[in-house]
Amino acid sequence: MSISSLSALAAGSEGHSDDFDWNPVMDAIIQVESGGNQSAKNGNQVGAMQITPIMVAECNSILKGRGNKKRYRLSDRLSIRKSKEMFLLVQSKYNPRNNIEKAIRSWNGGVNYSIKHTQRYFDKVMELIH
């Protein structure tokens, strides 16, 4: 499945632009989070993008709210493709204007992130974006 197809899947009815290329951001986040190791584990964070069980539940809630029957399992965090789908789904709900800074900071600090507490992470990810 292409990233534009993934974006369309994530877009649902939110009006999220499906021609925006999140690949450089997602690839940089993967490098910062796990060095590209899709089997990485750190506490309850798992996979290349270090996704928590709460994030999986949030993705399923978004899908349910959109009338989509698809659901993610905790084991899906070990799939880079499915992890990227979850990232795109979260962006479609909480970042419909495709703000890269917001995407990076919220991936690290949650929806109500602190600029101060996410600065180091933001800088690391930005250094890796091509």
N, C-alpha and C. Protein backbone atom coordinates (compact mmCIF):
# COMPACT_ATOMS: atom_id res chain seq x y z
N MET A 1 0.85 -1.18 0.00
CA MET A 1 0.00 0.00 0.00
C MET A 1 0.89 1.24 0.00
N SER A 2 0.61 2.19 -0.88
CA SER A 2 1.42 3.40 -0.97
C SER A 2 1.09 4.34 0.19
N ILE A 3 2.00 5.28 0.45
CA ILE A 3 1.76 6.24 1.52
C ILE A 3 0.55 7.11 1.20
N SER A 4 0.34 7.45 -0.07
CA SER A 4 -0.84 8.24 -0.39
C SER A 4 -2.11 7.43 -0.09
N SER A 5 -2.06 6.13 -0.30
CA SER A 5 -3.19 5.28 0.05
C SER A 5 -3.37 5.22 1.56
N LEU A 6 -2.24 5.14 2.28
CA LEU A 6 -2.31 5.15 3.74
C LEU A 6 -2.89 6.46 4.23
N SER A 7 -2.45 7.57 3.61
CA SER A 7 -2.98 8.88 4.01
C SER A 7 -4.47 8.96 3.75
N ALA A 8 -4.91 8.41 2.63
CA ALA A 8 -6.33 8.41 2.32
C ALA A 8 -7.09 7.59 3.35
N LEU A 9 -6.54 6.45 3.74
CA LEU A 9 -7.15 5.62 4.77
C LEU A 9 -7.24 6.41 6.06
N ALA A 10 -6.15 7.07 6.41
CA ALA A 10 -6.11 7.84 7.66
C ALA A 10 -7.03 9.04 7.59
N ALA A 11 -7.20 9.61 6.41
CA ALA A 11 -7.96 10.84 6.27
C ALA A 11 -9.41 10.70 6.70
N GLY A 12 -10.00 9.58 6.39
CA GLY A 12 -11.40 9.41 6.75
C GLY A 12 -12.20 10.60 6.28
N SER A 13 -12.93 11.22 7.17
CA SER A 13 -13.75 12.37 6.79
C SER A 13 -13.19 13.66 7.37
N GLU A 14 -11.93 13.66 7.78
CA GLU A 14 -11.36 14.82 8.46
C GLU A 14 -10.87 15.91 7.51
N GLY A 15 -10.78 15.64 6.22
CA GLY A 15 -10.28 16.63 5.30
C GLY A 15 -8.76 16.72 5.32
N HIS A 16 -8.12 15.70 5.81
CA HIS A 16 -6.66 15.61 5.85
C HIS A 16 -6.14 15.48 4.43
N SER A 17 -5.14 16.25 4.10
CA SER A 17 -4.60 16.21 2.74
C SER A 17 -3.92 14.88 2.49
N ASP A 18 -4.38 14.16 1.47
CA ASP A 18 -3.78 12.86 1.21
C ASP A 18 -2.60 12.95 0.24
N ASP A 19 -2.21 14.16 -0.13
CA ASP A 19 -1.04 14.27 -0.99
C ASP A 19 0.17 14.78 -0.21
N PHE A 20 0.03 14.94 1.09
CA PHE A 20 1.15 15.38 1.92
C PHE A 20 2.04 14.17 2.20
N ASP A 21 3.33 14.32 2.01
CA ASP A 21 4.26 13.20 2.19
C ASP A 21 4.86 13.21 3.59
N TRP A 22 4.34 12.35 4.45
CA TRP A 22 4.84 12.23 5.81
C TRP A 22 6.06 11.31 5.90
N ASN A 23 6.46 10.66 4.80
CA ASN A 23 7.56 9.69 4.86
C ASN A 23 8.84 10.22 5.50
N PRO A 24 9.34 11.39 5.12
CA PRO A 24 10.58 11.86 5.75
C PRO A 24 10.44 12.04 7.26
N VAL A 25 9.28 12.52 7.70
CA VAL A 25 9.05 12.72 9.14
C VAL A 25 8.96 11.36 9.84
N MET A 26 8.18 10.45 9.28
CA MET A 26 8.03 9.13 9.91
C MET A 26 9.37 8.40 9.95
N ASP A 27 10.14 8.47 8.86
CA ASP A 27 11.43 7.78 8.83
C ASP A 27 12.40 8.37 9.85
N ALA A 28 12.37 9.69 10.04
CA ALA A 28 13.23 10.33 11.04
C ALA A 28 12.78 9.94 12.45
N ILE A 29 11.48 9.90 12.69
CA ILE A 29 10.97 9.49 14.00
C ILE A 29 11.39 8.05 14.29
N ILE A 30 11.31 7.18 13.29
CA ILE A 30 11.73 5.79 13.48
C ILE A 30 13.20 5.71 13.88
N GLN A 31 14.04 6.51 13.25
CA GLN A 31 15.46 6.51 13.59
C GLN A 31 15.70 6.99 15.02
N VAL A 32 15.01 8.05 15.42
CA VAL A 32 15.18 8.59 16.77
C VAL A 32 14.61 7.63 17.81
N GLU A 33 13.44 7.08 17.53
CA GLU A 33 12.76 6.22 18.51
C GLU A 33 13.45 4.87 18.71
N SER A 34 13.90 4.25 17.62
CA SER A 34 14.37 2.86 17.74
C SER A 34 15.59 2.53 16.91
N GLY A 35 16.14 3.51 16.22
CA GLY A 35 17.24 3.22 15.30
C GLY A 35 16.82 2.31 14.17
N GLY A 36 15.51 2.26 13.90
CA GLY A 36 14.99 1.42 12.82
C GLY A 36 14.67 0.00 13.23
N ASN A 37 14.78 -0.32 14.52
CA ASN A 37 14.53 -1.67 15.01
C ASN A 37 13.03 -1.86 15.25
N GLN A 38 12.38 -2.62 14.38
CA GLN A 38 10.93 -2.82 14.54
C GLN A 38 10.57 -3.72 15.71
N SER A 39 11.58 -4.36 16.32
CA SER A 39 11.32 -5.20 17.50
C SER A 39 11.69 -4.50 18.81
N ALA A 40 12.02 -3.21 18.73
CA ALA A 40 12.46 -2.47 19.91
C ALA A 40 11.35 -2.44 20.98
N LYS A 41 11.78 -2.53 22.24
CA LYS A 41 10.85 -2.44 23.37
C LYS A 41 11.48 -1.58 24.44
N ASN A 42 10.68 -0.68 25.00
CA ASN A 42 11.11 0.17 26.10
C ASN A 42 9.89 0.38 26.98
N GLY A 43 9.79 -0.41 28.05
CA GLY A 43 8.60 -0.36 28.88
C GLY A 43 7.40 -0.80 28.07
N ASN A 44 6.36 0.05 28.04
CA ASN A 44 5.16 -0.32 27.27
C ASN A 44 5.20 0.24 25.84
N GLN A 45 6.34 0.82 25.46
CA GLN A 45 6.52 1.33 24.10
C GLN A 45 7.18 0.23 23.27
N VAL A 46 6.56 -0.05 22.11
CA VAL A 46 7.00 -1.19 21.30
C VAL A 46 7.09 -0.79 19.82
N GLY A 47 8.06 -1.40 19.13
CA GLY A 47 8.18 -1.25 17.69
C GLY A 47 9.06 -0.10 17.27
N ALA A 48 9.19 0.05 15.96
CA ALA A 48 10.07 1.06 15.38
C ALA A 48 9.68 2.48 15.79
N MET A 49 8.37 2.70 15.99
CA MET A 49 7.90 4.04 16.35
C MET A 49 7.57 4.15 17.84
N GLN A 50 7.85 3.08 18.59
CA GLN A 50 7.66 3.06 20.04
C GLN A 50 6.23 3.47 20.42
N ILE A 51 5.28 2.70 19.95
CA ILE A 51 3.86 2.96 20.16
C ILE A 51 3.39 2.29 21.45
N THR A 52 2.60 3.04 22.23
CA THR A 52 2.07 2.54 23.50
C THR A 52 0.71 1.89 23.30
N PRO A 53 0.28 1.08 24.27
CA PRO A 53 -1.08 0.51 24.20
C PRO A 53 -2.16 1.61 24.13
N ILE A 54 -1.93 2.72 24.80
CA ILE A 54 -2.90 3.82 24.78
C ILE A 54 -3.05 4.37 23.36
N MET A 55 -1.95 4.45 22.63
CA MET A 55 -2.00 4.94 21.25
C MET A 55 -2.79 3.98 20.37
N VAL A 56 -2.61 2.68 20.57
CA VAL A 56 -3.38 1.69 19.80
C VAL A 56 -4.87 1.86 20.10
N ALA A 57 -5.20 2.02 21.38
CA ALA A 57 -6.61 2.21 21.76
C ALA A 57 -7.17 3.49 21.15
N GLU A 58 -6.38 4.55 21.12
CA GLU A 58 -6.82 5.82 20.53
C GLU A 58 -7.08 5.66 19.04
N CYS A 59 -6.19 4.94 18.34
CA CYS A 59 -6.39 4.70 16.91
C CYS A 59 -7.69 3.93 16.68
N ASN A 60 -7.94 2.92 17.51
CA ASN A 60 -9.17 2.14 17.36
C ASN A 60 -10.40 2.99 17.65
N SER A 61 -10.29 3.91 18.59
CA SER A 61 -11.38 4.82 18.91
C SER A 61 -11.67 5.76 17.74
N ILE A 62 -10.61 6.27 17.11
CA ILE A 62 -10.77 7.14 15.94
C ILE A 62 -11.48 6.37 14.82
N LEU A 63 -11.01 5.15 14.57
CA LEU A 63 -11.61 4.33 13.51
C LEU A 63 -13.08 4.06 13.81
N LYS A 64 -13.37 3.69 15.05
CA LYS A 64 -14.75 3.41 15.44
C LYS A 64 -15.62 4.64 15.24
N GLY A 65 -15.11 5.80 15.65
CA GLY A 65 -15.86 7.05 15.49
C GLY A 65 -16.14 7.41 14.05
N ARG A 66 -15.33 6.91 13.14
CA ARG A 66 -15.51 7.17 11.71
C ARG A 66 -16.31 6.06 11.03
N GLY A 67 -16.79 5.11 11.82
CA GLY A 67 -17.57 4.02 11.25
C GLY A 67 -16.74 3.01 10.49
N ASN A 68 -15.43 3.01 10.73
CA ASN A 68 -14.52 2.08 10.07
C ASN A 68 -14.40 0.83 10.92
N LYS A 69 -14.55 -0.33 10.32
CA LYS A 69 -14.49 -1.59 11.07
C LYS A 69 -13.06 -2.07 11.36
N LYS A 70 -12.07 -1.45 10.72
CA LYS A 70 -10.68 -1.84 10.95
C LYS A 70 -10.31 -1.58 12.40
N ARG A 71 -9.51 -2.48 13.00
CA ARG A 71 -9.00 -2.28 14.36
C ARG A 71 -7.54 -2.74 14.39
N TYR A 72 -6.74 -2.06 15.21
CA TYR A 72 -5.35 -2.45 15.39
C TYR A 72 -5.21 -3.29 16.65
N ARG A 73 -4.23 -4.20 16.62
CA ARG A 73 -3.89 -5.04 17.78
C ARG A 73 -2.55 -4.55 18.33
N LEU A 74 -2.26 -4.88 19.56
CA LEU A 74 -0.98 -4.49 20.14
C LEU A 74 0.18 -5.04 19.32
N SER A 75 0.02 -6.21 18.75
CA SER A 75 1.09 -6.81 17.95
C SER A 75 1.37 -6.01 16.67
N ASP A 76 0.42 -5.19 16.23
CA ASP A 76 0.61 -4.37 15.03
C ASP A 76 1.72 -3.34 15.21
N ARG A 77 2.08 -3.05 16.45
CA ARG A 77 3.16 -2.09 16.72
C ARG A 77 4.50 -2.60 16.20
N LEU A 78 4.61 -3.90 16.00
CA LEU A 78 5.86 -4.50 15.50
C LEU A 78 5.97 -4.41 13.97
N SER A 79 4.93 -3.95 13.32
CA SER A 79 4.93 -3.77 11.87
C SER A 79 5.18 -2.30 11.56
N ILE A 80 6.24 -2.02 10.82
CA ILE A 80 6.52 -0.63 10.46
C ILE A 80 5.37 -0.06 9.63
N ARG A 81 4.84 -0.83 8.72
CA ARG A 81 3.73 -0.35 7.88
C ARG A 81 2.52 0.02 8.73
N LYS A 82 2.15 -0.85 9.66
CA LYS A 82 0.97 -0.58 10.50
C LYS A 82 1.26 0.55 11.49
N SER A 83 2.51 0.65 11.95
CA SER A 83 2.88 1.76 12.83
C SER A 83 2.73 3.09 12.09
N LYS A 84 3.14 3.11 10.83
CA LYS A 84 2.98 4.32 10.02
C LYS A 84 1.50 4.64 9.79
N GLU A 85 0.69 3.61 9.59
CA GLU A 85 -0.75 3.83 9.45
C GLU A 85 -1.30 4.50 10.71
N MET A 86 -0.87 4.01 11.87
CA MET A 86 -1.34 4.59 13.13
C MET A 86 -0.88 6.04 13.27
N PHE A 87 0.36 6.31 12.89
CA PHE A 87 0.87 7.69 12.93
C PHE A 87 -0.02 8.58 12.06
N LEU A 88 -0.29 8.14 10.83
CA LEU A 88 -1.10 8.93 9.90
C LEU A 88 -2.52 9.11 10.41
N LEU A 89 -3.05 8.10 11.03
CA LEU A 89 -4.41 8.18 11.58
C LEU A 89 -4.46 9.24 12.69
N VAL A 90 -3.48 9.22 13.57
CA VAL A 90 -3.42 10.20 14.65
C VAL A 90 -3.25 11.61 14.07
N GLN A 91 -2.40 11.75 13.06
CA GLN A 91 -2.21 13.08 12.45
C GLN A 91 -3.53 13.57 11.83
N SER A 92 -4.27 12.67 11.21
CA SER A 92 -5.51 13.08 10.55
C SER A 92 -6.52 13.64 11.54
N LYS A 93 -6.47 13.15 12.77
CA LYS A 93 -7.42 13.64 13.78
C LYS A 93 -6.89 14.88 14.49
N TYR A 94 -5.65 14.83 14.94
CA TYR A 94 -5.13 15.88 15.82
C TYR A 94 -4.27 16.92 15.10
N ASN A 95 -3.93 16.68 13.84
CA ASN A 95 -3.06 17.58 13.10
C ASN A 95 -3.51 17.66 11.64
N PRO A 96 -4.78 18.04 11.41
CA PRO A 96 -5.33 18.00 10.05
C PRO A 96 -4.66 18.99 9.09
N ARG A 97 -3.94 19.96 9.59
CA ARG A 97 -3.26 20.93 8.73
C ARG A 97 -1.83 20.50 8.40
N ASN A 98 -1.46 19.28 8.81
CA ASN A 98 -0.14 18.71 8.49
C ASN A 98 1.02 19.58 8.99
N ASN A 99 0.94 20.04 10.23
CA ASN A 99 2.00 20.84 10.82
C ASN A 99 3.10 19.88 11.30
N ILE A 100 4.26 19.94 10.65
CA ILE A 100 5.35 19.02 10.95
C ILE A 100 5.83 19.17 12.39
N GLU A 101 6.00 20.40 12.84
CA GLU A 101 6.47 20.61 14.22
C GLU A 101 5.49 20.02 15.22
N LYS A 102 4.20 20.25 15.01
CA LYS A 102 3.18 19.69 15.90
C LYS A 102 3.22 18.17 15.88
N ALA A 103 3.40 17.59 14.70
CA ALA A 103 3.44 16.13 14.58
C ALA A 103 4.60 15.55 15.39
N ILE A 104 5.76 16.15 15.25
CA ILE A 104 6.96 15.64 15.94
C ILE A 104 6.83 15.82 17.44
N ARG A 105 6.48 17.02 17.86
CA ARG A 105 6.39 17.29 19.30
C ARG A 105 5.29 16.45 19.97
N SER A 106 4.16 16.30 19.31
CA SER A 106 3.08 15.54 19.92
C SER A 106 3.38 14.04 19.94
N TRP A 107 4.18 13.56 18.98
CA TRP A 107 4.56 12.14 19.00
C TRP A 107 5.41 11.86 20.24
N ASN A 108 6.18 12.84 20.65
CA ASN A 108 7.04 12.69 21.82
C ASN A 108 6.33 13.08 23.12
N GLY A 109 5.56 14.15 23.10
CA GLY A 109 5.01 14.69 24.33
C GLY A 109 3.51 14.62 24.48
N GLY A 110 2.83 13.97 23.54
CA GLY A 110 1.38 13.88 23.62
C GLY A 110 0.70 15.10 23.03
N VAL A 111 -0.60 15.06 23.00
CA VAL A 111 -1.39 16.12 22.38
C VAL A 111 -1.14 17.47 23.05
N ASN A 112 -0.99 17.47 24.36
CA ASN A 112 -0.74 18.71 25.09
C ASN A 112 0.74 18.85 25.44
N TYR A 113 1.60 18.65 24.44
CA TYR A 113 3.04 18.66 24.65
C TYR A 113 3.55 20.01 25.17
N SER A 114 4.71 19.95 25.81
CA SER A 114 5.43 21.14 26.25
C SER A 114 6.56 21.39 25.26
N ILE A 115 6.68 22.61 24.75
CA ILE A 115 7.76 22.93 23.82
C ILE A 115 9.10 22.70 24.51
N LYS A 116 9.22 23.12 25.75
CA LYS A 116 10.48 22.95 26.49
C LYS A 116 10.86 21.48 26.61
N HIS A 117 9.90 20.63 26.98
CA HIS A 117 10.19 19.21 27.22
C HIS A 117 10.35 18.40 25.94
N THR A 118 9.93 18.94 24.81
CA THR A 118 10.06 18.20 23.54
C THR A 118 11.14 18.79 22.63
N GLN A 119 11.86 19.80 23.10
CA GLN A 119 12.82 20.49 22.23
C GLN A 119 13.94 19.58 21.75
N ARG A 120 14.54 18.82 22.67
CA ARG A 120 15.65 17.95 22.29
C ARG A 120 15.20 16.91 21.27
N TYR A 121 14.05 16.32 21.50
CA TYR A 121 13.48 15.32 20.59
C TYR A 121 13.21 15.96 19.23
N PHE A 122 12.57 17.12 19.24
CA PHE A 122 12.26 17.83 18.00
C PHE A 122 13.53 18.10 17.20
N ASP A 123 14.57 18.57 17.86
CA ASP A 123 15.84 18.86 17.18
C ASP A 123 16.44 17.60 16.57
N LYS A 124 16.40 16.48 17.30
CA LYS A 124 16.96 15.21 16.79
C LYS A 124 16.22 14.77 15.52
N VAL A 125 14.90 14.83 15.57
CA VAL A 125 14.11 14.40 14.41
C VAL A 125 14.37 15.33 13.22
N MET A 126 14.39 16.63 13.47
CA MET A 126 14.59 17.58 12.38
C MET A 126 15.95 17.40 11.71
N GLU A 127 16.97 17.03 12.48
CA GLU A 127 18.30 16.79 11.90
C GLU A 127 18.30 15.64 10.91
N LEU A 128 17.37 14.71 11.07
CA LEU A 128 17.32 13.51 10.23
C LEU A 128 16.41 13.62 9.02
N ILE A 129 15.58 14.65 8.97
CA ILE A 129 14.64 14.78 7.85
C ILE A 129 15.40 15.21 6.60
N HIS A 130 15.17 14.49 5.54
CA HIS A 130 15.87 14.76 4.26
C HIS A 130 14.99 15.57 3.35
